[in-house]
Amino acid sequence: LINKQRATLALEPLAWSDEVAKIARL
């Protein structure tokens, strides 16, 4: 959903990172 919002402004999509997700998930 967030990458769809970025696409509306022609921004590059964010790349999903499992490493970063672990920080967020904890």
mmCIF file of all heavy atoms, coordinates in Angstrom:
data_MODEL
# 
_entry.id   MODEL 
# 
loop_
_atom_site.group_PDB 
_atom_site.id 
_atom_site.type_symbol 
_atom_site.label_atom_id 
_atom_site.label_alt_id 
_atom_site.label_comp_id 
_atom_site.label_asym_id 
_atom_site.label_entity_id 
_atom_site.label_seq_id 
_atom_site.pdbx_PDB_ins_code 
_atom_site.Cartn_x 
_atom_site.Cartn_y 
_atom_site.Cartn_z 
_atom_site.occupancy 
_atom_site.B_iso_or_equiv 
_atom_site.pdbx_formal_charge 
_atom_site.auth_seq_id 
_atom_site.auth_comp_id 
_atom_site.auth_asym_id 
_atom_site.auth_atom_id 
_atom_site.pdbx_PDB_model_num 
ATOM 1   N N   . LEU A 1 1  ? 0.824  -1.206  0.000   1.00 0.00 ? 1  LEU A N   1 
ATOM 2   C CA  . LEU A 1 1  ? 0.000  0.000   0.000   1.00 0.00 ? 1  LEU A CA  1 
ATOM 3   C C   . LEU A 1 1  ? 0.860  1.258   0.000   1.00 0.00 ? 1  LEU A C   1 
ATOM 4   O O   . LEU A 1 1  ? 0.546  2.245   -0.676  1.00 0.00 ? 1  LEU A O   1 
ATOM 5   C CB  . LEU A 1 1  ? -0.931 0.008   1.219   1.00 0.00 ? 1  LEU A CB  1 
ATOM 6   C CG  . LEU A 1 1  ? -2.102 -0.975  1.199   1.00 0.00 ? 1  LEU A CG  1 
ATOM 7   C CD1 . LEU A 1 1  ? -2.829 -0.944  2.536   1.00 0.00 ? 1  LEU A CD1 1 
ATOM 8   C CD2 . LEU A 1 1  ? -3.065 -0.639  0.063   1.00 0.00 ? 1  LEU A CD2 1 
ATOM 9   N N   . ILE A 1 2  ? 1.958  1.208   0.728   1.00 0.00 ? 2  ILE A N   1 
ATOM 10  C CA  . ILE A 1 2  ? 2.865  2.355   0.782   1.00 0.00 ? 2  ILE A CA  1 
ATOM 11  C C   . ILE A 1 2  ? 3.563  2.562   -0.561  1.00 0.00 ? 2  ILE A C   1 
ATOM 12  O O   . ILE A 1 2  ? 3.693  3.695   -1.046  1.00 0.00 ? 2  ILE A O   1 
ATOM 13  C CB  . ILE A 1 2  ? 3.882  2.170   1.924   1.00 0.00 ? 2  ILE A CB  1 
ATOM 14  C CG1 . ILE A 1 2  ? 3.167  2.299   3.272   1.00 0.00 ? 2  ILE A CG1 1 
ATOM 15  C CG2 . ILE A 1 2  ? 5.025  3.176   1.824   1.00 0.00 ? 2  ILE A CG2 1 
ATOM 16  C CD1 . ILE A 1 2  ? 3.952  1.803   4.444   1.00 0.00 ? 2  ILE A CD1 1 
ATOM 17  N N   . ASN A 1 3  ? 3.998  1.485   -1.184  1.00 0.00 ? 3  ASN A N   1 
ATOM 18  C CA  . ASN A 1 3  ? 4.632  1.614   -2.495  1.00 0.00 ? 3  ASN A CA  1 
ATOM 19  C C   . ASN A 1 3  ? 3.644  2.111   -3.556  1.00 0.00 ? 3  ASN A C   1 
ATOM 20  O O   . ASN A 1 3  ? 4.041  2.799   -4.504  1.00 0.00 ? 3  ASN A O   1 
ATOM 21  C CB  . ASN A 1 3  ? 5.264  0.296   -2.919  1.00 0.00 ? 3  ASN A CB  1 
ATOM 22  C CG  . ASN A 1 3  ? 6.719  0.189   -2.471  1.00 0.00 ? 3  ASN A CG  1 
ATOM 23  O OD1 . ASN A 1 3  ? 7.387  1.180   -2.223  1.00 0.00 ? 3  ASN A OD1 1 
ATOM 24  N ND2 . ASN A 1 3  ? 7.205  -1.034  -2.365  1.00 0.00 ? 3  ASN A ND2 1 
ATOM 25  N N   . LYS A 1 4  ? 2.373  1.789   -3.398  1.00 0.00 ? 4  LYS A N   1 
ATOM 26  C CA  . LYS A 1 4  ? 1.368  2.327   -4.315  1.00 0.00 ? 4  LYS A CA  1 
ATOM 27  C C   . LYS A 1 4  ? 1.259  3.848   -4.156  1.00 0.00 ? 4  LYS A C   1 
ATOM 28  O O   . LYS A 1 4  ? 1.080  4.571   -5.145  1.00 0.00 ? 4  LYS A O   1 
ATOM 29  C CB  . LYS A 1 4  ? 0.010  1.668   -4.059  1.00 0.00 ? 4  LYS A CB  1 
ATOM 30  C CG  . LYS A 1 4  ? -0.097 0.249   -4.579  1.00 0.00 ? 4  LYS A CG  1 
ATOM 31  C CD  . LYS A 1 4  ? -1.486 -0.320  -4.334  1.00 0.00 ? 4  LYS A CD  1 
ATOM 32  C CE  . LYS A 1 4  ? -1.592 -1.742  -4.874  1.00 0.00 ? 4  LYS A CE  1 
ATOM 33  N NZ  . LYS A 1 4  ? -2.942 -2.332  -4.632  1.00 0.00 ? 4  LYS A NZ  1 
ATOM 34  N N   . GLN A 1 5  ? 1.364  4.312   -2.918  1.00 0.00 ? 5  GLN A N   1 
ATOM 35  C CA  . GLN A 1 5  ? 1.335  5.755   -2.680  1.00 0.00 ? 5  GLN A CA  1 
ATOM 36  C C   . GLN A 1 5  ? 2.547  6.422   -3.319  1.00 0.00 ? 5  GLN A C   1 
ATOM 37  O O   . GLN A 1 5  ? 2.449  7.504   -3.903  1.00 0.00 ? 5  GLN A O   1 
ATOM 38  C CB  . GLN A 1 5  ? 1.302  6.042   -1.172  1.00 0.00 ? 5  GLN A CB  1 
ATOM 39  C CG  . GLN A 1 5  ? 0.042  5.596   -0.463  1.00 0.00 ? 5  GLN A CG  1 
ATOM 40  C CD  . GLN A 1 5  ? -1.174 6.435   -0.844  1.00 0.00 ? 5  GLN A CD  1 
ATOM 41  O OE1 . GLN A 1 5  ? -1.046 7.536   -1.374  1.00 0.00 ? 5  GLN A OE1 1 
ATOM 42  N NE2 . GLN A 1 5  ? -2.358 5.914   -0.565  1.00 0.00 ? 5  GLN A NE2 1 
ATOM 43  N N   . ARG A 1 6  ? 3.706  5.785   -3.230  1.00 0.00 ? 6  ARG A N   1 
ATOM 44  C CA  . ARG A 1 6  ? 4.910  6.334   -3.850  1.00 0.00 ? 6  ARG A CA  1 
ATOM 45  C C   . ARG A 1 6  ? 4.785  6.350   -5.373  1.00 0.00 ? 6  ARG A C   1 
ATOM 46  O O   . ARG A 1 6  ? 5.245  7.284   -6.043  1.00 0.00 ? 6  ARG A O   1 
ATOM 47  C CB  . ARG A 1 6  ? 6.133  5.511   -3.418  1.00 0.00 ? 6  ARG A CB  1 
ATOM 48  C CG  . ARG A 1 6  ? 6.486  5.663   -1.946  1.00 0.00 ? 6  ARG A CG  1 
ATOM 49  C CD  . ARG A 1 6  ? 7.631  4.740   -1.548  1.00 0.00 ? 6  ARG A CD  1 
ATOM 50  N NE  . ARG A 1 6  ? 8.891  5.094   -2.190  1.00 0.00 ? 6  ARG A NE  1 
ATOM 51  C CZ  . ARG A 1 6  ? 9.778  5.962   -1.703  1.00 0.00 ? 6  ARG A CZ  1 
ATOM 52  N NH1 . ARG A 1 6  ? 9.531  6.590   -0.549  1.00 0.00 ? 6  ARG A NH1 1 
ATOM 53  N NH2 . ARG A 1 6  ? 10.902 6.205   -2.337  1.00 0.00 ? 6  ARG A NH2 1 
ATOM 54  N N   . ALA A 1 7  ? 4.142  5.338   -5.928  1.00 0.00 ? 7  ALA A N   1 
ATOM 55  C CA  . ALA A 1 7  ? 3.995  5.251   -7.373  1.00 0.00 ? 7  ALA A CA  1 
ATOM 56  C C   . ALA A 1 7  ? 3.157  6.398   -7.927  1.00 0.00 ? 7  ALA A C   1 
ATOM 57  O O   . ALA A 1 7  ? 3.380  6.846   -9.054  1.00 0.00 ? 7  ALA A O   1 
ATOM 58  C CB  . ALA A 1 7  ? 3.371  3.913   -7.757  1.00 0.00 ? 7  ALA A CB  1 
ATOM 59  N N   . THR A 1 8  ? 2.200  6.878   -7.148  1.00 0.00 ? 8  THR A N   1 
ATOM 60  C CA  . THR A 1 8  ? 1.363  7.984   -7.622  1.00 0.00 ? 8  THR A CA  1 
ATOM 61  C C   . THR A 1 8  ? 2.174  9.254   -7.843  1.00 0.00 ? 8  THR A C   1 
ATOM 62  O O   . THR A 1 8  ? 1.752  10.139  -8.587  1.00 0.00 ? 8  THR A O   1 
ATOM 63  C CB  . THR A 1 8  ? 0.231  8.282   -6.619  1.00 0.00 ? 8  THR A CB  1 
ATOM 64  O OG1 . THR A 1 8  ? 0.795  8.671   -5.354  1.00 0.00 ? 8  THR A OG1 1 
ATOM 65  C CG2 . THR A 1 8  ? -0.662 7.062   -6.426  1.00 0.00 ? 8  THR A CG2 1 
ATOM 66  N N   . LEU A 1 9  ? 3.352  9.338   -7.193  1.00 0.00 ? 9  LEU A N   1 
ATOM 67  C CA  . LEU A 1 9  ? 4.224  10.505  -7.364  1.00 0.00 ? 9  LEU A CA  1 
ATOM 68  C C   . LEU A 1 9  ? 5.458  10.154  -8.192  1.00 0.00 ? 9  LEU A C   1 
ATOM 69  O O   . LEU A 1 9  ? 6.438  10.906  -8.195  1.00 0.00 ? 9  LEU A O   1 
ATOM 70  C CB  . LEU A 1 9  ? 4.649  11.046  -5.996  1.00 0.00 ? 9  LEU A CB  1 
ATOM 71  C CG  . LEU A 1 9  ? 3.521  11.586  -5.110  1.00 0.00 ? 9  LEU A CG  1 
ATOM 72  C CD1 . LEU A 1 9  ? 4.074  12.050  -3.761  1.00 0.00 ? 9  LEU A CD1 1 
ATOM 73  C CD2 . LEU A 1 9  ? 2.787  12.721  -5.806  1.00 0.00 ? 9  LEU A CD2 1 
ATOM 74  N N   . ALA A 1 10 ? 5.400  9.021   -8.858  1.00 0.00 ? 10 ALA A N   1 
ATOM 75  C CA  . ALA A 1 10 ? 6.505  8.565   -9.716  1.00 0.00 ? 10 ALA A CA  1 
ATOM 76  C C   . ALA A 1 10 ? 7.802  8.387   -8.933  1.00 0.00 ? 10 ALA A C   1 
ATOM 77  O O   . ALA A 1 10 ? 8.891  8.564   -9.472  1.00 0.00 ? 10 ALA A O   1 
ATOM 78  C CB  . ALA A 1 10 ? 6.714  9.535   -10.880 1.00 0.00 ? 10 ALA A CB  1 
ATOM 79  N N   . LEU A 1 11 ? 7.682  7.992   -7.652  1.00 0.00 ? 11 LEU A N   1 
ATOM 80  C CA  . LEU A 1 11 ? 8.855  7.716   -6.831  1.00 0.00 ? 11 LEU A CA  1 
ATOM 81  C C   . LEU A 1 11 ? 9.253  6.251   -6.977  1.00 0.00 ? 11 LEU A C   1 
ATOM 82  O O   . LEU A 1 11 ? 8.410  5.384   -7.216  1.00 0.00 ? 11 LEU A O   1 
ATOM 83  C CB  . LEU A 1 11 ? 8.561  8.017   -5.356  1.00 0.00 ? 11 LEU A CB  1 
ATOM 84  C CG  . LEU A 1 11 ? 8.297  9.482   -4.992  1.00 0.00 ? 11 LEU A CG  1 
ATOM 85  C CD1 . LEU A 1 11 ? 7.785  9.571   -3.559  1.00 0.00 ? 11 LEU A CD1 1 
ATOM 86  C CD2 . LEU A 1 11 ? 9.560  10.311  -5.159  1.00 0.00 ? 11 LEU A CD2 1 
ATOM 87  N N   . GLU A 1 12 ? 10.535 5.987   -6.824  1.00 0.00 ? 12 GLU A N   1 
ATOM 88  C CA  . GLU A 1 12 ? 11.005 4.607   -6.854  1.00 0.00 ? 12 GLU A CA  1 
ATOM 89  C C   . GLU A 1 12 ? 10.393 3.832   -5.686  1.00 0.00 ? 12 GLU A C   1 
ATOM 90  O O   . GLU A 1 12 ? 10.279 4.362   -4.574  1.00 0.00 ? 12 GLU A O   1 
ATOM 91  C CB  . GLU A 1 12 ? 12.529 4.564   -6.749  1.00 0.00 ? 12 GLU A CB  1 
ATOM 92  C CG  . GLU A 1 12 ? 13.249 5.050   -7.990  1.00 0.00 ? 12 GLU A CG  1 
ATOM 93  C CD  . GLU A 1 12 ? 13.033 4.119   -9.179  1.00 0.00 ? 12 GLU A CD  1 
ATOM 94  O OE1 . GLU A 1 12 ? 12.989 2.887   -8.957  1.00 0.00 ? 12 GLU A OE1 1 
ATOM 95  O OE2 . GLU A 1 12 ? 12.899 4.626   -10.300 1.00 0.00 ? 12 GLU A OE2 1 
ATOM 96  N N   . PRO A 1 13 ? 9.984  2.589   -5.916  1.00 0.00 ? 13 PRO A N   1 
ATOM 97  C CA  . PRO A 1 13 ? 9.426  1.799   -4.815  1.00 0.00 ? 13 PRO A CA  1 
ATOM 98  C C   . PRO A 1 13 ? 10.496 1.475   -3.783  1.00 0.00 ? 13 PRO A C   1 
ATOM 99  O O   . PRO A 1 13 ? 11.674 1.328   -4.114  1.00 0.00 ? 13 PRO A O   1 
ATOM 100 C CB  . PRO A 1 13 ? 8.923  0.530   -5.502  1.00 0.00 ? 13 PRO A CB  1 
ATOM 101 C CG  . PRO A 1 13 ? 9.760  0.409   -6.738  1.00 0.00 ? 13 PRO A CG  1 
ATOM 102 C CD  . PRO A 1 13 ? 10.022 1.825   -7.187  1.00 0.00 ? 13 PRO A CD  1 
ATOM 103 N N   . LEU A 1 14 ? 10.074 1.381   -2.540  1.00 0.00 ? 14 LEU A N   1 
ATOM 104 C CA  . LEU A 1 14 ? 10.989 0.945   -1.490  1.00 0.00 ? 14 LEU A CA  1 
ATOM 105 C C   . LEU A 1 14 ? 11.280 -0.543  -1.674  1.00 0.00 ? 14 LEU A C   1 
ATOM 106 O O   . LEU A 1 14 ? 10.402 -1.311  -2.055  1.00 0.00 ? 14 LEU A O   1 
ATOM 107 C CB  . LEU A 1 14 ? 10.361 1.184   -0.118  1.00 0.00 ? 14 LEU A CB  1 
ATOM 108 C CG  . LEU A 1 14 ? 10.138 2.640   0.294   1.00 0.00 ? 14 LEU A CG  1 
ATOM 109 C CD1 . LEU A 1 14 ? 9.249  2.711   1.530   1.00 0.00 ? 14 LEU A CD1 1 
ATOM 110 C CD2 . LEU A 1 14 ? 11.463 3.343   0.532   1.00 0.00 ? 14 LEU A CD2 1 
ATOM 111 N N   . ALA A 1 15 ? 12.499 -0.940  -1.403  1.00 0.00 ? 15 ALA A N   1 
ATOM 112 C CA  . ALA A 1 15 ? 12.864 -2.356  -1.470  1.00 0.00 ? 15 ALA A CA  1 
ATOM 113 C C   . ALA A 1 15 ? 12.632 -2.991  -0.099  1.00 0.00 ? 15 ALA A C   1 
ATOM 114 O O   . ALA A 1 15 ? 13.072 -2.454  0.922   1.00 0.00 ? 15 ALA A O   1 
ATOM 115 C CB  . ALA A 1 15 ? 14.327 -2.505  -1.891  1.00 0.00 ? 15 ALA A CB  1 
ATOM 116 N N   . TRP A 1 16 ? 11.922 -4.098  -0.080  1.00 0.00 ? 16 TRP A N   1 
ATOM 117 C CA  . TRP A 1 16 ? 11.688 -4.807  1.182   1.00 0.00 ? 16 TRP A CA  1 
ATOM 118 C C   . TRP A 1 16 ? 12.993 -5.422  1.670   1.00 0.00 ? 16 TRP A C   1 
ATOM 119 O O   . TRP A 1 16 ? 13.727 -6.056  0.918   1.00 0.00 ? 16 TRP A O   1 
ATOM 120 C CB  . TRP A 1 16 ? 10.645 -5.897  1.005   1.00 0.00 ? 16 TRP A CB  1 
ATOM 121 C CG  . TRP A 1 16 ? 10.451 -6.732  2.236   1.00 0.00 ? 16 TRP A CG  1 
ATOM 122 C CD1 . TRP A 1 16 ? 11.127 -7.862  2.592   1.00 0.00 ? 16 TRP A CD1 1 
ATOM 123 C CD2 . TRP A 1 16 ? 9.526  -6.480  3.299   1.00 0.00 ? 16 TRP A CD2 1 
ATOM 124 N NE1 . TRP A 1 16 ? 10.683 -8.340  3.796   1.00 0.00 ? 16 TRP A NE1 1 
ATOM 125 C CE2 . TRP A 1 16 ? 9.699  -7.512  4.259   1.00 0.00 ? 16 TRP A CE2 1 
ATOM 126 C CE3 . TRP A 1 16 ? 8.573  -5.498  3.538   1.00 0.00 ? 16 TRP A CE3 1 
ATOM 127 C CZ2 . TRP A 1 16 ? 8.941  -7.578  5.420   1.00 0.00 ? 16 TRP A CZ2 1 
ATOM 128 C CZ3 . TRP A 1 16 ? 7.813  -5.570  4.701   1.00 0.00 ? 16 TRP A CZ3 1 
ATOM 129 C CH2 . TRP A 1 16 ? 8.006  -6.591  5.624   1.00 0.00 ? 16 TRP A CH2 1 
ATOM 130 N N   . SER A 1 17 ? 13.288 -5.232  2.961   1.00 0.00 ? 17 SER A N   1 
ATOM 131 C CA  . SER A 1 17 ? 14.486 -5.804  3.566   1.00 0.00 ? 17 SER A CA  1 
ATOM 132 C C   . SER A 1 17 ? 14.079 -6.665  4.749   1.00 0.00 ? 17 SER A C   1 
ATOM 133 O O   . SER A 1 17 ? 13.452 -6.174  5.699   1.00 0.00 ? 17 SER A O   1 
ATOM 134 C CB  . SER A 1 17 ? 15.435 -4.691  4.040   1.00 0.00 ? 17 SER A CB  1 
ATOM 135 O OG  . SER A 1 17 ? 16.463 -5.225  4.854   1.00 0.00 ? 17 SER A OG  1 
ATOM 136 N N   . ASP A 1 18 ? 14.426 -7.956  4.691   1.00 0.00 ? 18 ASP A N   1 
ATOM 137 C CA  . ASP A 1 18 ? 14.132 -8.838  5.816   1.00 0.00 ? 18 ASP A CA  1 
ATOM 138 C C   . ASP A 1 18 ? 14.891 -8.399  7.066   1.00 0.00 ? 18 ASP A C   1 
ATOM 139 O O   . ASP A 1 18 ? 14.391 -8.534  8.188   1.00 0.00 ? 18 ASP A O   1 
ATOM 140 C CB  . ASP A 1 18 ? 14.503 -10.279 5.465   1.00 0.00 ? 18 ASP A CB  1 
ATOM 141 C CG  . ASP A 1 18 ? 13.527 -10.909 4.488   1.00 0.00 ? 18 ASP A CG  1 
ATOM 142 O OD1 . ASP A 1 18 ? 12.349 -10.492 4.468   1.00 0.00 ? 18 ASP A OD1 1 
ATOM 143 O OD2 . ASP A 1 18 ? 13.939 -11.807 3.730   1.00 0.00 ? 18 ASP A OD2 1 
ATOM 144 N N   . GLU A 1 19 ? 16.109 -7.891  6.871   1.00 0.00 ? 19 GLU A N   1 
ATOM 145 C CA  . GLU A 1 19 ? 16.906 -7.411  8.009   1.00 0.00 ? 19 GLU A CA  1 
ATOM 146 C C   . GLU A 1 19 ? 16.212 -6.257  8.712   1.00 0.00 ? 19 GLU A C   1 
ATOM 147 O O   . GLU A 1 19 ? 16.096 -6.228  9.943   1.00 0.00 ? 19 GLU A O   1 
ATOM 148 C CB  . GLU A 1 19 ? 18.282 -6.941  7.525   1.00 0.00 ? 19 GLU A CB  1 
ATOM 149 C CG  . GLU A 1 19 ? 19.266 -8.030  7.185   1.00 0.00 ? 19 GLU A CG  1 
ATOM 150 C CD  . GLU A 1 19 ? 20.613 -7.443  6.827   1.00 0.00 ? 19 GLU A CD  1 
ATOM 151 O OE1 . GLU A 1 19 ? 20.677 -6.637  5.886   1.00 0.00 ? 19 GLU A OE1 1 
ATOM 152 O OE2 . GLU A 1 19 ? 21.594 -7.774  7.511   1.00 0.00 ? 19 GLU A OE2 1 
ATOM 153 N N   . VAL A 1 20 ? 15.746 -5.289  7.926   1.00 0.00 ? 20 VAL A N   1 
ATOM 154 C CA  . VAL A 1 20 ? 15.081 -4.118  8.487   1.00 0.00 ? 20 VAL A CA  1 
ATOM 155 C C   . VAL A 1 20 ? 13.745 -4.514  9.097   1.00 0.00 ? 20 VAL A C   1 
ATOM 156 O O   . VAL A 1 20 ? 13.342 -3.997  10.140  1.00 0.00 ? 20 VAL A O   1 
ATOM 157 C CB  . VAL A 1 20 ? 14.904 -3.035  7.405   1.00 0.00 ? 20 VAL A CB  1 
ATOM 158 C CG1 . VAL A 1 20 ? 14.141 -1.830  7.960   1.00 0.00 ? 20 VAL A CG1 1 
ATOM 159 C CG2 . VAL A 1 20 ? 16.266 -2.584  6.875   1.00 0.00 ? 20 VAL A CG2 1 
ATOM 160 N N   . ALA A 1 21 ? 13.049 -5.462  8.468   1.00 0.00 ? 21 ALA A N   1 
ATOM 161 C CA  . ALA A 1 21 ? 11.763 -5.915  8.994   1.00 0.00 ? 21 ALA A CA  1 
ATOM 162 C C   . ALA A 1 21 ? 11.917 -6.550  10.375  1.00 0.00 ? 21 ALA A C   1 
ATOM 163 O O   . ALA A 1 21 ? 11.032 -6.424  11.226  1.00 0.00 ? 21 ALA A O   1 
ATOM 164 C CB  . ALA A 1 21 ? 11.122 -6.901  8.026   1.00 0.00 ? 21 ALA A CB  1 
ATOM 165 N N   . LYS A 1 22 ? 13.040 -7.226  10.622  1.00 0.00 ? 22 LYS A N   1 
ATOM 166 C CA  . LYS A 1 22 ? 13.274 -7.827  11.934  1.00 0.00 ? 22 LYS A CA  1 
ATOM 167 C C   . LYS A 1 22 ? 13.359 -6.759  13.022  1.00 0.00 ? 22 LYS A C   1 
ATOM 168 O O   . LYS A 1 22 ? 12.884 -6.955  14.137  1.00 0.00 ? 22 LYS A O   1 
ATOM 169 C CB  . LYS A 1 22 ? 14.556 -8.659  11.905  1.00 0.00 ? 22 LYS A CB  1 
ATOM 170 C CG  . LYS A 1 22 ? 14.442 -9.956  11.120  1.00 0.00 ? 22 LYS A CG  1 
ATOM 171 C CD  . LYS A 1 22 ? 15.756 -10.712 11.101  1.00 0.00 ? 22 LYS A CD  1 
ATOM 172 C CE  . LYS A 1 22 ? 15.659 -11.996 10.288  1.00 0.00 ? 22 LYS A CE  1 
ATOM 173 N NZ  . LYS A 1 22 ? 16.964 -12.707 10.231  1.00 0.00 ? 22 LYS A NZ  1 
ATOM 174 N N   . ILE A 1 23 ? 13.995 -5.636  12.687  1.00 0.00 ? 23 ILE A N   1 
ATOM 175 C CA  . ILE A 1 23 ? 14.079 -4.530  13.646  1.00 0.00 ? 23 ILE A CA  1 
ATOM 176 C C   . ILE A 1 23 ? 12.684 -4.016  13.965  1.00 0.00 ? 23 ILE A C   1 
ATOM 177 O O   . ILE A 1 23 ? 12.317 -3.821  15.132  1.00 0.00 ? 23 ILE A O   1 
ATOM 178 C CB  . ILE A 1 23 ? 14.936 -3.379  13.063  1.00 0.00 ? 23 ILE A CB  1 
ATOM 179 C CG1 . ILE A 1 23 ? 16.339 -3.858  12.730  1.00 0.00 ? 23 ILE A CG1 1 
ATOM 180 C CG2 . ILE A 1 23 ? 14.992 -2.201  14.037  1.00 0.00 ? 23 ILE A CG2 1 
ATOM 181 C CD1 . ILE A 1 23 ? 17.150 -2.832  11.956  1.00 0.00 ? 23 ILE A CD1 1 
ATOM 182 N N   . ALA A 1 24 ? 11.891 -3.799  12.895  1.00 0.00 ? 24 ALA A N   1 
ATOM 183 C CA  . ALA A 1 24 ? 10.531 -3.283  13.065  1.00 0.00 ? 24 ALA A CA  1 
ATOM 184 C C   . ALA A 1 24 ? 9.653  -4.272  13.819  1.00 0.00 ? 24 ALA A C   1 
ATOM 185 O O   . ALA A 1 24 ? 8.882  -3.902  14.712  1.00 0.00 ? 24 ALA A O   1 
ATOM 186 C CB  . ALA A 1 24 ? 9.939  -2.970  11.694  1.00 0.00 ? 24 ALA A CB  1 
ATOM 187 N N   . ARG A 1 25 ? 9.780  -5.548  13.469  1.00 0.00 ? 25 ARG A N   1 
ATOM 188 C CA  . ARG A 1 25 ? 8.931  -6.584  14.063  1.00 0.00 ? 25 ARG A CA  1 
ATOM 189 C C   . ARG A 1 25 ? 9.199  -6.727  15.559  1.00 0.00 ? 25 ARG A C   1 
ATOM 190 O O   . ARG A 1 25 ? 8.267  -6.875  16.364  1.00 0.00 ? 25 ARG A O   1 
ATOM 191 C CB  . ARG A 1 25 ? 9.171  -7.911  13.348  1.00 0.00 ? 25 ARG A CB  1 
ATOM 192 C CG  . ARG A 1 25 ? 8.129  -8.968  13.630  1.00 0.00 ? 25 ARG A CG  1 
ATOM 193 C CD  . ARG A 1 25 ? 8.356  -10.179 12.733  1.00 0.00 ? 25 ARG A CD  1 
ATOM 194 N NE  . ARG A 1 25 ? 8.165  -9.845  11.319  1.00 0.00 ? 25 ARG A NE  1 
ATOM 195 C CZ  . ARG A 1 25 ? 9.060  -10.076 10.376  1.00 0.00 ? 25 ARG A CZ  1 
ATOM 196 N NH1 . ARG A 1 25 ? 10.224 -10.641 10.671  1.00 0.00 ? 25 ARG A NH1 1 
ATOM 197 N NH2 . ARG A 1 25 ? 8.803  -9.749  9.130   1.00 0.00 ? 25 ARG A NH2 1 
ATOM 198 N N   . LEU A 1 26 ? 10.464 -6.680  15.948  1.00 0.00 ? 26 LEU A N   1 
ATOM 199 C CA  . LEU A 1 26 ? 10.812 -6.807  17.368  1.00 0.00 ? 26 LEU A CA  1 
ATOM 200 C C   . LEU A 1 26 ? 10.166 -5.685  18.178  1.00 0.00 ? 26 LEU A C   1 
ATOM 201 O O   . LEU A 1 26 ? 9.615  -5.923  19.261  1.00 0.00 ? 26 LEU A O   1 
ATOM 202 C CB  . LEU A 1 26 ? 12.326 -6.764  17.544  1.00 0.00 ? 26 LEU A CB  1 
ATOM 203 C CG  . LEU A 1 26 ? 12.819 -6.726  18.994  1.00 0.00 ? 26 LEU A CG  1 
ATOM 204 C CD1 . LEU A 1 26 ? 12.475 -8.034  19.710  1.00 0.00 ? 26 LEU A CD1 1 
ATOM 205 C CD2 . LEU A 1 26 ? 14.323 -6.473  19.055  1.00 0.00 ? 26 LEU A CD2 1 
# 
